[in-house]
Amino acid sequence: MAIMGSIGLAILYGFKVNASVAIVAMVNHTAVHINNPHYPYDNTSTVSANVCQFDDASNVTKIKGEDGPFIWDEIIQGFILSSYFWGYAISMLPGGRLAELWSAKWVMNGSVLLNLAASILTPIAARTHYWLFVAMRFLQGIGGGVSFPAMHVMIAKWAPPNERSVIASIVYAGTALGTVISILLTGLLAVNLGWESIFYVEGALCLIWCIAWWLMIADSPEKQMIFISQKERNYIATSLGGHGKEDVPKTVPWGQVFRSKPFIAILIAHFCSNFGWYMLLIELPTFMNQILKFDMSSNAGLSSIPFLCMWLFTMILSKILAIMQERDLISVTMSRKIGTLFASLVPMLCLILVSHVGCDRVSAVLLMTIGIACIGGMYCGFLANHIDIAPNFAGSLVAMTNVVATIPGFVVPVFVGQLTHGNQTIEAWRIVFLVTIILYAIEILVYTIFGSGNEQPWNKIKTSDEMCATS
């Protein structure tokens, strides 16, 4: 279940980020430059301390040879890249509750199928009008939005408490692996087969996963007919306290939830962390292309390396923390805070340094790699924390925090687009990094003080109607 869930999230995150790379090949930078002289088509004619100059022509962006058919400036590009998150935000809460009360398995399967369909239709939509491209990204966002709540419900039903960190990390590390594969595959397809192939090929590959998930996976150990022994089924049920679906309250006690300090700590940590995560996830290819002047193929490779390191770091850190918990060296609360600290303090320090290394490519890429790798700590940090404090409402809680944490998803592309519109300079990017650094500092402070790994009393509260029905 964990491996299949990881692959599913890898597919969905691939769709989430492929437009960030594809759009570099889709835009006709020459035409945009003619329409807007301030567009960063050729900065070599301007000598400025805030614009990187490189003598090595083989590494300078070969924009002229990579022009696409679309005349979209940074503002339009920002709307296209942010549209995914509009759909992502509105689908999470309904998706989370549907996964809890109906079937997390089928919610997850539907999520990937919707992304598949929208991907196949994207080339036609983009050629018709960019607003139709926005609509396809919006539909993919709807599909992507229900995935985290669905997988949180699956983990809550399948993962024994002492294995929760590792299983959650395996599942959610798929997002990093999907980012690596998507950035590399998207870059290769764009260079060799054209930008349309990105959406056709990546869409078709998803169908294999959908069939395998349908045949192999069940909502809970009790419903799993194959690939499980009775001993394993009993072990999972016993470790989870033997609670079945009938024990899940039909409504979420939102009043108690929003008065809970541990939940508010997760909410704030998720928002602040996602600002930095989405800024790097969405804008890294643009930063590599416009500031460090890497060409399309180099851009794809260099942009993917940090996410591969993130995947490896997530696996290693989660296992270390799980071993320390088993040996009673740290509590669940401490484990979550350590993971979150790695995911916030290290990238914050790296962004501070990136802001001051200027046009030093090696240092910038190295710092970005270290920062993004350590963001993987969030998967065994605050992102696994919802299941600790309220396993009955894991889907709804992660949906709620993810709704708030998705705000940066559609703010960041527009914010960066506006700030760098005709101003692709180091100074402009320093402002982007500074805002991210401040939010990371808030995350560290709040989660360290108020975060908790203890189950909250409102997890088992039933409504008056349910109590009457029981009596």
Protein backbone atom coordinates (compact mmCIF):
# COMPACT_ATOMS: atom_id res chain seq x y z
CA MET A 1 0.00 0.00 0.00
CA ALA A 2 2.77 2.42 0.94
CA ILE A 3 4.76 1.77 -2.24
CA MET A 4 1.71 2.02 -4.50
CA GLY A 5 0.62 5.18 -2.67
CA SER A 6 4.10 6.62 -3.13
CA ILE A 7 3.98 5.93 -6.88
CA GLY A 8 0.49 7.48 -7.06
CA LEU A 9 1.66 10.68 -5.38
CA ALA A 10 4.75 10.66 -7.61
CA ILE A 11 2.44 10.66 -10.64
CA LEU A 12 0.30 13.47 -9.25
CA TYR A 13 3.30 15.58 -8.28
CA GLY A 14 4.69 14.97 -11.73
CA PHE A 15 1.59 16.64 -13.15
CA LYS A 16 1.86 19.34 -10.51
CA VAL A 17 5.33 20.45 -11.61
CA ASN A 18 5.54 19.50 -15.30
CA ALA A 19 3.95 22.78 -16.42
CA SER A 20 6.76 24.69 -14.65
CA VAL A 21 9.31 23.08 -16.98
CA ALA A 22 7.03 22.75 -20.03
CA ILE A 23 6.18 26.45 -20.03
CA VAL A 24 9.84 27.30 -20.71
CA ALA A 25 9.55 25.38 -24.00
CA MET A 26 6.00 26.56 -24.76
CA VAL A 27 6.62 30.32 -24.63
CA ASN A 28 7.92 32.25 -27.66
CA HIS A 29 10.46 34.32 -25.77
CA THR A 30 11.54 36.18 -28.93
CA ALA A 31 8.02 37.44 -29.64
CA VAL A 32 7.42 38.31 -25.99
CA HIS A 33 10.65 40.29 -25.98
CA ILE A 34 9.61 42.24 -29.10
CA ASN A 35 6.26 43.08 -27.46
CA ASN A 36 7.94 43.94 -24.15
CA PRO A 37 11.56 45.20 -24.33
CA HIS A 38 11.88 44.67 -20.58
CA TYR A 39 11.25 40.93 -20.90
CA PRO A 40 14.46 39.04 -19.90
CA TYR A 41 15.15 37.64 -23.36
CA ASP A 42 18.70 38.90 -23.68
CA ASN A 43 20.29 40.43 -20.64
CA THR A 44 23.79 40.24 -22.10
CA SER A 45 23.37 43.71 -23.57
CA THR A 46 22.83 45.19 -20.13
CA VAL A 47 25.73 45.32 -17.74
CA SER A 48 24.40 45.40 -14.21
CA ALA A 49 25.47 44.13 -10.82
CA ASN A 50 22.06 42.52 -10.47
CA VAL A 51 22.14 40.63 -13.79
CA CYS A 52 24.42 37.61 -14.14
CA GLN A 53 26.90 37.69 -17.03
CA PHE A 54 28.53 34.48 -18.26
CA ASP A 55 31.31 34.15 -20.82
CA ASP A 56 30.79 30.42 -21.34
CA ALA A 57 28.40 30.46 -24.30
CA SER A 58 27.67 26.74 -24.03
CA ASN A 59 25.97 27.29 -20.70
CA VAL A 60 23.99 30.40 -21.57
CA THR A 61 20.29 29.85 -22.17
CA LYS A 62 19.65 29.07 -25.81
CA ILE A 63 16.30 30.83 -25.88
CA LYS A 64 16.26 31.41 -29.63
CA GLY A 65 16.45 27.70 -30.38
CA GLU A 66 13.80 26.84 -27.80
CA ASP A 67 11.01 29.21 -28.73
CA GLY A 68 7.51 27.80 -28.49
CA PRO A 69 4.31 28.99 -30.16
CA PHE A 70 2.80 31.01 -27.29
CA ILE A 71 3.28 34.73 -26.57
CA TRP A 72 2.76 34.67 -22.81
CA ASP A 73 4.56 37.17 -20.56
CA GLU A 74 5.45 36.46 -16.90
CA ILE A 75 2.03 37.59 -15.64
CA ILE A 76 0.15 35.14 -17.89
CA GLN A 77 2.68 32.42 -17.03
CA GLY A 78 2.06 33.16 -13.34
CA PHE A 79 -1.70 32.67 -13.78
CA ILE A 80 -1.17 29.41 -15.65
CA LEU A 81 1.18 28.03 -13.00
CA SER A 82 -1.08 29.13 -10.14
CA SER A 83 -4.34 27.79 -11.62
CA TYR A 84 -3.52 24.25 -10.49
CA PHE A 85 -3.72 25.41 -6.89
CA TRP A 86 -7.17 26.97 -7.29
CA GLY A 87 -8.61 23.53 -7.97
CA TYR A 88 -6.28 21.97 -5.42
CA ALA A 89 -7.65 24.19 -2.65
CA ILE A 90 -11.38 23.69 -3.24
CA SER A 91 -11.32 19.89 -3.52
CA MET A 92 -9.38 19.00 -0.37
CA LEU A 93 -12.05 19.25 2.34
CA PRO A 94 -14.79 17.41 0.38
CA GLY A 95 -12.19 14.86 -0.71
CA GLY A 96 -10.97 14.31 2.84
CA ARG A 97 -14.44 13.70 4.23
CA LEU A 98 -15.36 11.48 1.29
CA ALA A 99 -12.23 9.39 1.91
CA GLU A 100 -13.10 9.01 5.62
CA LEU A 101 -16.76 8.12 5.18
CA TRP A 102 -16.75 6.32 1.80
CA SER A 103 -13.53 5.03 0.23
CA ALA A 104 -10.02 6.47 0.29
CA LYS A 105 -8.99 3.91 -2.33
CA TRP A 106 -11.47 5.14 -4.93
CA VAL A 107 -10.93 8.82 -4.11
CA MET A 108 -7.23 8.32 -4.82
CA ASN A 109 -7.92 6.39 -8.03
CA GLY A 110 -10.30 9.09 -9.26
CA SER A 111 -7.67 11.72 -8.49
CA VAL A 112 -5.14 10.16 -10.88
CA LEU A 113 -7.76 9.45 -13.57
CA LEU A 114 -8.85 13.10 -13.62
CA ASN A 115 -5.23 14.21 -14.00
CA LEU A 116 -4.74 11.73 -16.81
CA ALA A 117 -7.76 13.00 -18.77
CA ALA A 118 -6.84 16.68 -18.33
CA SER A 119 -3.24 16.00 -19.39
CA ILE A 120 -4.30 14.38 -22.67
CA LEU A 121 -6.54 17.38 -23.44
CA THR A 122 -3.95 20.03 -22.50
CA PRO A 123 -2.20 20.50 -25.90
CA ILE A 124 -5.53 21.16 -27.65
CA ALA A 125 -6.62 23.49 -24.84
CA ALA A 126 -3.34 25.46 -24.90
CA ARG A 127 -3.49 25.96 -28.68
CA THR A 128 -7.10 27.16 -28.46
CA HIS A 129 -6.56 29.77 -25.72
CA TYR A 130 -4.44 30.05 -22.62
CA TRP A 131 -7.59 30.24 -20.46
CA LEU A 132 -8.45 26.69 -21.56
CA PHE A 133 -4.94 25.68 -20.50
CA VAL A 134 -5.75 27.32 -17.15
CA ALA A 135 -8.97 25.24 -17.02
CA MET A 136 -7.06 21.98 -17.58
CA ARG A 137 -4.60 22.88 -14.83
CA PHE A 138 -7.56 23.71 -12.59
CA LEU A 139 -9.05 20.23 -13.19
CA GLN A 140 -5.72 18.61 -12.45
CA GLY A 141 -5.61 20.63 -9.23
CA ILE A 142 -9.02 19.25 -8.22
CA GLY A 143 -7.65 15.74 -8.69
CA GLY A 144 -4.42 16.50 -6.88
CA GLY A 145 -6.20 18.15 -3.97
CA VAL A 146 -7.94 15.00 -2.77
CA SER A 147 -4.78 12.87 -2.88
CA PHE A 148 -3.17 13.89 0.43
CA PRO A 149 -6.39 13.48 2.47
CA ALA A 150 -7.03 10.11 0.81
CA MET A 151 -3.53 8.86 1.58
CA HIS A 152 -3.73 10.18 5.15
CA VAL A 153 -6.86 8.06 5.65
CA MET A 154 -5.10 5.04 4.10
CA ILE A 155 -2.10 5.50 6.43
CA ALA A 156 -4.36 5.92 9.48
CA LYS A 157 -6.05 2.57 8.66
CA TRP A 158 -2.93 0.66 7.64
CA ALA A 159 0.03 1.94 9.70
CA PRO A 160 0.72 0.70 13.25
CA PRO A 161 1.73 3.70 15.42
CA ASN A 162 5.38 2.66 15.75
CA GLU A 163 5.66 2.30 11.95
CA ARG A 164 3.74 5.47 11.10
CA SER A 165 6.78 7.70 10.49
CA VAL A 166 8.38 5.28 8.05
CA ILE A 167 5.17 4.42 6.18
CA ALA A 168 4.11 8.07 5.94
CA SER A 169 7.58 9.00 4.70
CA ILE A 170 7.54 6.23 2.06
CA VAL A 171 4.15 7.44 0.83
CA TYR A 172 4.87 11.17 0.82
CA ALA A 173 8.45 10.90 -0.38
CA GLY A 174 6.84 9.87 -3.65
CA THR A 175 6.17 13.58 -4.17
CA ALA A 176 9.93 14.22 -4.29
CA LEU A 177 10.58 11.23 -6.54
CA GLY A 178 7.75 12.30 -8.83
CA THR A 179 9.26 15.77 -9.01
CA VAL A 180 12.64 14.33 -10.04
CA ILE A 181 11.19 12.05 -12.73
CA SER A 182 8.79 14.70 -14.04
CA ILE A 183 11.39 17.46 -14.33
CA LEU A 184 13.84 15.15 -16.10
CA LEU A 185 11.24 13.51 -18.35
CA THR A 186 9.57 16.84 -19.16
CA GLY A 187 12.91 18.41 -20.12
CA LEU A 188 13.89 15.46 -22.32
CA LEU A 189 10.49 15.27 -24.03
CA ALA A 190 10.43 19.02 -24.65
CA VAL A 191 13.89 19.04 -26.24
CA ASN A 192 13.50 15.85 -28.32
CA LEU A 193 9.81 15.43 -29.14
CA GLY A 194 8.26 18.86 -28.58
CA TRP A 195 6.20 20.30 -25.76
CA GLU A 196 2.97 18.45 -26.75
CA SER A 197 4.60 15.08 -26.07
CA ILE A 198 4.99 16.04 -22.39
CA PHE A 199 1.26 15.87 -21.79
CA TYR A 200 0.53 12.87 -24.02
CA VAL A 201 3.32 10.60 -22.78
CA GLU A 202 3.01 11.44 -19.09
CA GLY A 203 -0.77 11.07 -19.27
CA ALA A 204 -0.64 7.65 -20.92
CA LEU A 205 1.84 6.28 -18.35
CA CYS A 206 -0.67 6.89 -15.53
CA LEU A 207 -3.14 4.33 -16.79
CA ILE A 208 -0.88 1.46 -15.69
CA TRP A 209 -0.89 2.70 -12.09
CA CYS A 210 -4.68 3.16 -12.04
CA ILE A 211 -5.26 -0.48 -13.06
CA ALA A 212 -2.69 -1.81 -10.55
CA TRP A 213 -4.14 0.29 -7.68
CA TRP A 214 -7.66 -0.90 -8.51
CA LEU A 215 -6.65 -4.58 -8.48
CA MET A 216 -4.12 -4.66 -5.62
CA ILE A 217 -5.22 -2.18 -2.93
CA ALA A 218 -8.08 -2.16 -0.41
CA ASP A 219 -9.30 0.55 1.97
CA SER A 220 -8.23 -1.33 5.10
CA PRO A 221 -6.56 -4.60 6.19
CA GLU A 222 -10.01 -6.06 6.90
CA LYS A 223 -11.01 -5.56 3.25
CA GLN A 224 -7.70 -6.70 1.76
CA MET A 225 -8.25 -10.12 0.17
CA ILE A 226 -4.78 -10.75 -1.28
CA PHE A 227 -1.16 -9.90 -0.38
CA ILE A 228 -1.87 -10.11 3.37
CA SER A 229 -1.79 -12.87 5.99
CA GLN A 230 -4.26 -13.23 8.84
CA LYS A 231 -1.39 -12.67 11.25
CA GLU A 232 -0.54 -9.31 9.67
CA ARG A 233 -4.21 -8.33 9.55
CA ASN A 234 -4.62 -9.09 13.28
CA TYR A 235 -1.38 -7.29 14.15
CA ILE A 236 -2.45 -4.07 12.42
CA ALA A 237 -5.95 -4.19 13.94
CA THR A 238 -4.57 -4.80 17.45
CA SER A 239 -1.92 -2.08 17.19
CA LEU A 240 -4.57 0.43 16.11
CA GLY A 241 -6.80 -0.50 19.07
CA GLY A 242 -9.29 -2.48 17.03
CA HIS A 243 -11.28 0.57 15.95
CA GLY A 244 -13.43 0.02 12.91
CA LYS A 245 -15.32 2.38 10.65
CA GLU A 246 -18.27 2.43 13.05
CA ASP A 247 -16.07 4.18 15.61
CA VAL A 248 -15.50 7.19 13.36
CA PRO A 249 -17.78 10.13 14.26
CA LYS A 250 -19.89 11.24 11.31
CA THR A 251 -19.07 14.92 11.84
CA VAL A 252 -15.81 16.67 12.62
CA PRO A 253 -15.78 18.64 15.93
CA TRP A 254 -14.37 21.74 14.23
CA GLY A 255 -14.95 23.94 17.29
CA GLN A 256 -12.65 21.76 19.39
CA VAL A 257 -10.21 21.36 16.51
CA PHE A 258 -9.67 25.10 16.10
CA ARG A 259 -9.20 25.53 19.85
CA SER A 260 -6.48 22.87 19.84
CA LYS A 261 -2.97 24.34 20.08
CA PRO A 262 -1.31 21.25 18.52
CA PHE A 263 -3.60 21.54 15.48
CA ILE A 264 -3.01 25.29 15.10
CA ALA A 265 0.74 24.61 15.31
CA ILE A 266 0.43 22.12 12.42
CA LEU A 267 -1.69 24.60 10.46
CA ILE A 268 0.86 27.43 10.78
CA ALA A 269 3.81 25.11 10.09
CA HIS A 270 2.08 23.72 6.99
CA PHE A 271 1.36 27.20 5.60
CA CYS A 272 4.84 28.60 6.21
CA SER A 273 6.60 25.47 4.97
CA ASN A 274 4.51 25.31 1.81
CA PHE A 275 5.40 28.87 0.88
CA GLY A 276 9.06 27.86 0.72
CA TRP A 277 8.25 24.47 -0.81
CA TYR A 278 6.10 25.88 -3.61
CA MET A 279 8.47 28.76 -4.24
CA LEU A 280 11.27 26.26 -4.91
CA LEU A 281 9.06 23.64 -6.57
CA ILE A 282 7.43 26.00 -9.08
CA GLU A 283 10.03 28.71 -9.56
CA LEU A 284 13.33 26.80 -9.45
CA PRO A 285 13.36 26.07 -13.23
CA THR A 286 12.71 29.78 -13.90
CA PHE A 287 15.49 30.85 -11.50
CA MET A 288 17.90 28.39 -13.14
CA ASN A 289 16.89 29.61 -16.61
CA GLN A 290 16.67 33.38 -16.15
CA ILE A 291 19.26 34.11 -13.45
CA LEU A 292 21.85 31.31 -13.71
CA LYS A 293 21.40 31.03 -17.51
CA PHE A 294 21.27 27.24 -17.77
CA ASP A 295 19.93 25.84 -21.04
CA MET A 296 16.82 23.64 -21.28
CA SER A 297 18.54 20.27 -20.87
CA SER A 298 20.88 21.49 -18.10
CA ASN A 299 17.94 23.22 -16.40
CA ALA A 300 15.93 19.99 -16.23
CA GLY A 301 18.84 18.00 -14.84
CA LEU A 302 19.93 20.57 -12.27
CA SER A 303 16.37 21.32 -11.18
CA SER A 304 15.72 17.63 -10.51
CA ILE A 305 18.86 16.83 -8.48
CA PRO A 306 17.64 18.58 -5.27
CA PHE A 307 14.41 16.54 -5.29
CA LEU A 308 16.29 13.27 -5.68
CA CYS A 309 18.37 14.24 -2.65
CA MET A 310 15.14 15.14 -0.86
CA TRP A 311 13.73 11.66 -1.49
CA LEU A 312 16.88 9.99 -0.13
CA PHE A 313 17.03 12.31 2.89
CA THR A 314 13.36 11.66 3.72
CA MET A 315 13.88 7.88 3.74
CA ILE A 316 17.01 8.10 5.90
CA LEU A 317 15.66 10.63 8.43
CA SER A 318 12.33 8.82 8.89
CA LYS A 319 14.11 5.51 9.58
CA ILE A 320 16.51 7.11 12.07
CA LEU A 321 13.65 8.79 13.93
CA ALA A 322 11.61 5.55 13.93
CA ILE A 323 14.54 3.62 15.44
CA MET A 324 15.03 6.31 18.08
CA GLN A 325 11.32 6.12 18.96
CA GLU A 326 11.41 2.31 19.22
CA ARG A 327 14.35 2.57 21.63
CA ASP A 328 12.51 5.21 23.67
CA LEU A 329 15.26 7.75 23.02
CA ILE A 330 12.72 10.30 21.81
CA SER A 331 8.95 10.72 22.03
CA VAL A 332 6.57 11.04 19.08
CA THR A 333 6.36 14.78 19.81
CA MET A 334 10.14 15.17 19.72
CA SER A 335 10.34 13.11 16.52
CA ARG A 336 7.84 15.40 14.78
CA LYS A 337 9.67 18.53 15.96
CA ILE A 338 13.05 17.24 14.76
CA GLY A 339 11.62 16.46 11.32
CA THR A 340 9.99 19.89 11.12
CA LEU A 341 13.16 21.65 12.28
CA PHE A 342 15.15 20.03 9.47
CA ALA A 343 12.43 21.09 7.01
CA SER A 344 12.52 24.75 8.05
CA LEU A 345 15.83 25.78 9.65
CA VAL A 346 18.14 24.29 7.00
CA PRO A 347 16.32 25.71 3.93
CA MET A 348 16.03 29.07 5.72
CA LEU A 349 19.81 29.21 6.21
CA CYS A 350 20.40 28.07 2.62
CA LEU A 351 18.16 30.81 1.20
CA ILE A 352 19.99 33.42 3.28
CA LEU A 353 23.25 32.25 1.73
CA VAL A 354 21.81 31.99 -1.80
CA SER A 355 20.77 35.64 -1.51
CA HIS A 356 24.42 36.58 -1.10
CA VAL A 357 26.32 34.27 -3.46
CA GLY A 358 25.17 36.25 -6.53
CA CYS A 359 26.08 34.62 -9.83
CA ASP A 360 28.19 31.82 -8.34
CA ARG A 361 26.45 28.90 -10.06
CA VAL A 362 28.14 26.10 -8.12
CA SER A 363 27.37 27.63 -4.72
CA ALA A 364 23.78 28.49 -5.68
CA VAL A 365 23.02 24.98 -6.98
CA LEU A 366 24.71 23.35 -3.96
CA LEU A 367 22.77 25.49 -1.47
CA MET A 368 19.48 24.92 -3.29
CA THR A 369 20.15 21.18 -3.27
CA ILE A 370 20.85 21.08 0.49
CA GLY A 371 17.83 23.27 1.28
CA ILE A 372 15.35 21.29 -0.83
CA ALA A 373 16.72 17.94 0.40
CA CYS A 374 16.11 18.89 4.03
CA ILE A 375 12.55 20.04 3.29
CA GLY A 376 11.86 16.28 3.15
CA GLY A 377 11.86 16.35 6.94
CA MET A 378 8.29 17.66 6.78
CA TYR A 379 6.99 14.21 5.79
CA CYS A 380 8.02 12.66 9.10
CA GLY A 381 7.48 16.01 10.86
CA PHE A 382 4.28 18.07 10.88
CA LEU A 383 2.75 16.29 7.86
CA ALA A 384 2.51 13.00 9.77
CA ASN A 385 1.28 14.81 12.89
CA HIS A 386 -2.42 14.91 11.93
CA ILE A 387 -2.60 11.12 12.31
CA ASP A 388 -0.99 11.31 15.77
CA ILE A 389 -3.37 13.85 17.25
CA ALA A 390 -6.62 12.56 15.65
CA PRO A 391 -6.49 9.37 13.52
CA ASN A 392 -10.30 9.38 13.15
CA PHE A 393 -10.17 12.73 11.37
CA ALA A 394 -6.78 12.43 9.65
CA GLY A 395 -8.22 13.08 6.19
CA SER A 396 -10.25 16.12 7.23
CA LEU A 397 -7.43 17.64 9.30
CA VAL A 398 -4.80 17.35 6.57
CA ALA A 399 -7.37 18.69 4.11
CA MET A 400 -7.99 21.73 6.32
CA THR A 401 -4.31 22.52 6.87
CA ASN A 402 -3.61 21.85 3.19
CA VAL A 403 -6.35 24.27 2.12
CA VAL A 404 -4.61 27.04 4.07
CA ALA A 405 -1.18 25.79 2.98
CA THR A 406 -2.25 25.88 -0.67
CA ILE A 407 -2.68 29.66 -0.56
CA PRO A 408 1.06 30.03 -1.29
CA GLY A 409 0.56 27.74 -4.28
CA PHE A 410 -1.45 30.31 -6.19
CA VAL A 411 0.13 33.36 -4.54
CA VAL A 412 3.78 32.44 -5.20
CA PRO A 413 3.65 32.23 -9.04
CA VAL A 414 1.72 35.52 -9.31
CA PHE A 415 3.90 37.18 -6.64
CA VAL A 416 7.13 36.08 -8.35
CA GLY A 417 5.71 36.91 -11.79
CA GLN A 418 4.80 40.45 -10.75
CA LEU A 419 8.08 41.02 -8.93
CA THR A 420 10.25 39.75 -11.80
CA HIS A 421 8.14 41.15 -14.67
CA GLY A 422 10.79 42.83 -16.83
CA ASN A 423 13.10 42.61 -13.82
CA GLN A 424 14.82 39.22 -13.83
CA THR A 425 17.59 40.31 -11.48
CA ILE A 426 19.30 38.94 -8.40
CA GLU A 427 17.83 41.82 -6.39
CA ALA A 428 14.26 40.88 -7.31
CA TRP A 429 14.87 37.25 -6.33
CA ARG A 430 16.40 38.36 -3.02
CA ILE A 431 13.03 39.86 -2.08
CA VAL A 432 11.33 36.54 -2.91
CA PHE A 433 13.84 34.68 -0.74
CA LEU A 434 13.52 37.19 2.13
CA VAL A 435 9.75 36.70 2.41
CA THR A 436 10.32 32.92 2.48
CA ILE A 437 12.99 33.25 5.19
CA ILE A 438 10.64 35.23 7.45
CA LEU A 439 7.90 32.60 7.12
CA TYR A 440 10.36 29.80 7.93
CA ALA A 441 11.33 31.65 11.13
CA ILE A 442 7.65 31.84 12.16
CA GLU A 443 7.22 28.10 11.49
CA ILE A 444 10.20 27.20 13.68
CA LEU A 445 9.01 29.34 16.58
CA VAL A 446 5.34 28.25 16.60
CA TYR A 447 5.79 24.51 16.00
CA THR A 448 8.65 24.15 18.47
CA ILE A 449 6.52 25.71 21.23
CA PHE A 450 3.06 24.25 20.53
CA GLY A 451 3.57 21.07 18.45
CA SER A 452 2.50 17.75 20.02
CA GLY A 453 2.38 14.07 19.01
CA ASN A 454 -0.24 13.07 21.61
CA GLU A 455 -3.75 11.97 20.64
CA GLN A 456 -6.24 14.73 21.45
CA PRO A 457 -9.38 14.04 23.56
CA TRP A 458 -11.71 15.33 20.82
CA ASN A 459 -10.59 12.52 18.48
CA LYS A 460 -13.24 10.18 19.95
CA ILE A 461 -15.98 12.70 20.70
CA LYS A 462 -19.35 11.76 19.24
CA THR A 463 -22.15 14.16 18.36
CA SER A 464 -25.41 14.19 20.34
CA ASP A 465 -27.26 12.52 17.43
CA GLU A 466 -24.74 9.69 17.32
CA MET A 467 -24.91 9.22 21.12
CA CYS A 468 -28.71 8.99 20.91
CA ALA A 469 -28.47 6.46 18.11
CA THR A 470 -26.00 4.38 20.15
CA SER A 471 -28.22 4.41 23.25
